[in-house]
């Protein structure tokens, strides 16, 4: 039993890679804004379009 354990018990070696690890993230963010205005608010915005 001791011989089997000696044969199965190995050495594990961990080394750092030569090149840096690169993670490519392709993320698409889409935002949709829906709003409703009453007639008076729309009129005020149309009259003062330069501030919006």
Protein backbone atom coordinates (compact mmCIF):
# COMPACT_ATOMS: atom_id res chain seq x y z
CA UNK A 1 0.00 0.00 0.00
CA UNK A 2 2.86 2.39 0.78
CA UNK A 3 4.37 1.75 -2.66
CA UNK A 4 1.04 2.57 -4.41
CA UNK A 5 0.73 5.80 -2.45
CA UNK A 6 4.29 6.77 -3.32
CA UNK A 7 3.66 6.16 -7.02
CA UNK A 8 0.39 8.13 -7.08
CA UNK A 9 1.63 11.04 -4.96
CA UNK A 10 3.32 13.31 -7.49
CA UNK A 11 4.67 16.80 -7.56
CA UNK A 12 2.50 19.60 -8.91
CA UNK A 13 4.28 22.52 -10.53
CA UNK A 14 2.53 25.82 -11.22
CA UNK A 15 4.25 28.41 -13.40
CA UNK A 16 3.17 31.80 -14.68
CA UNK A 17 2.52 32.11 -18.44
CA UNK A 18 5.08 33.83 -20.65
CA UNK A 19 2.50 36.16 -22.21
CA UNK A 20 -0.05 38.26 -20.33
CA UNK A 21 -3.58 36.93 -20.08
CA UNK A 22 -5.92 38.85 -22.38
CA UNK A 23 -9.68 38.87 -21.81
CA UNK A 24 -11.77 40.29 -24.64
CA UNK A 25 -15.17 41.54 -23.55
CA UNK A 26 -17.57 42.44 -26.31
CA UNK A 27 -20.32 44.32 -24.55
CA UNK A 28 -23.13 46.13 -26.30
CA UNK A 29 -25.21 48.44 -24.19
CA UNK A 30 -28.41 49.71 -25.70
CA UNK A 31 -30.56 52.14 -23.84
CA UNK A 32 -33.94 53.25 -25.00
CA UNK A 33 -35.64 56.17 -23.33
CA UNK A 34 -39.35 56.59 -23.83
CA UNK A 35 -41.09 59.67 -22.53
CA UNK A 36 -44.48 61.27 -22.90
CA UNK A 37 -45.20 64.95 -22.53
CA UNK A 38 -48.41 66.81 -22.16
CA UNK A 39 -49.17 69.51 -24.71
CA UNK A 40 -47.99 72.46 -22.62
CA UNK A 41 -44.64 70.87 -21.74
CA UNK A 42 -44.00 69.98 -25.39
CA UNK A 43 -44.83 73.57 -26.37
CA UNK A 44 -42.36 74.98 -23.80
CA UNK A 45 -39.61 72.63 -25.01
CA UNK A 46 -40.25 73.57 -28.64
CA UNK A 47 -40.07 77.28 -27.75
CA UNK A 48 -36.81 76.82 -25.80
CA UNK A 49 -35.10 74.10 -27.85
CA UNK A 50 -31.66 75.67 -27.38
CA UNK A 51 -31.56 74.84 -23.66
CA UNK A 52 -32.36 71.15 -24.18
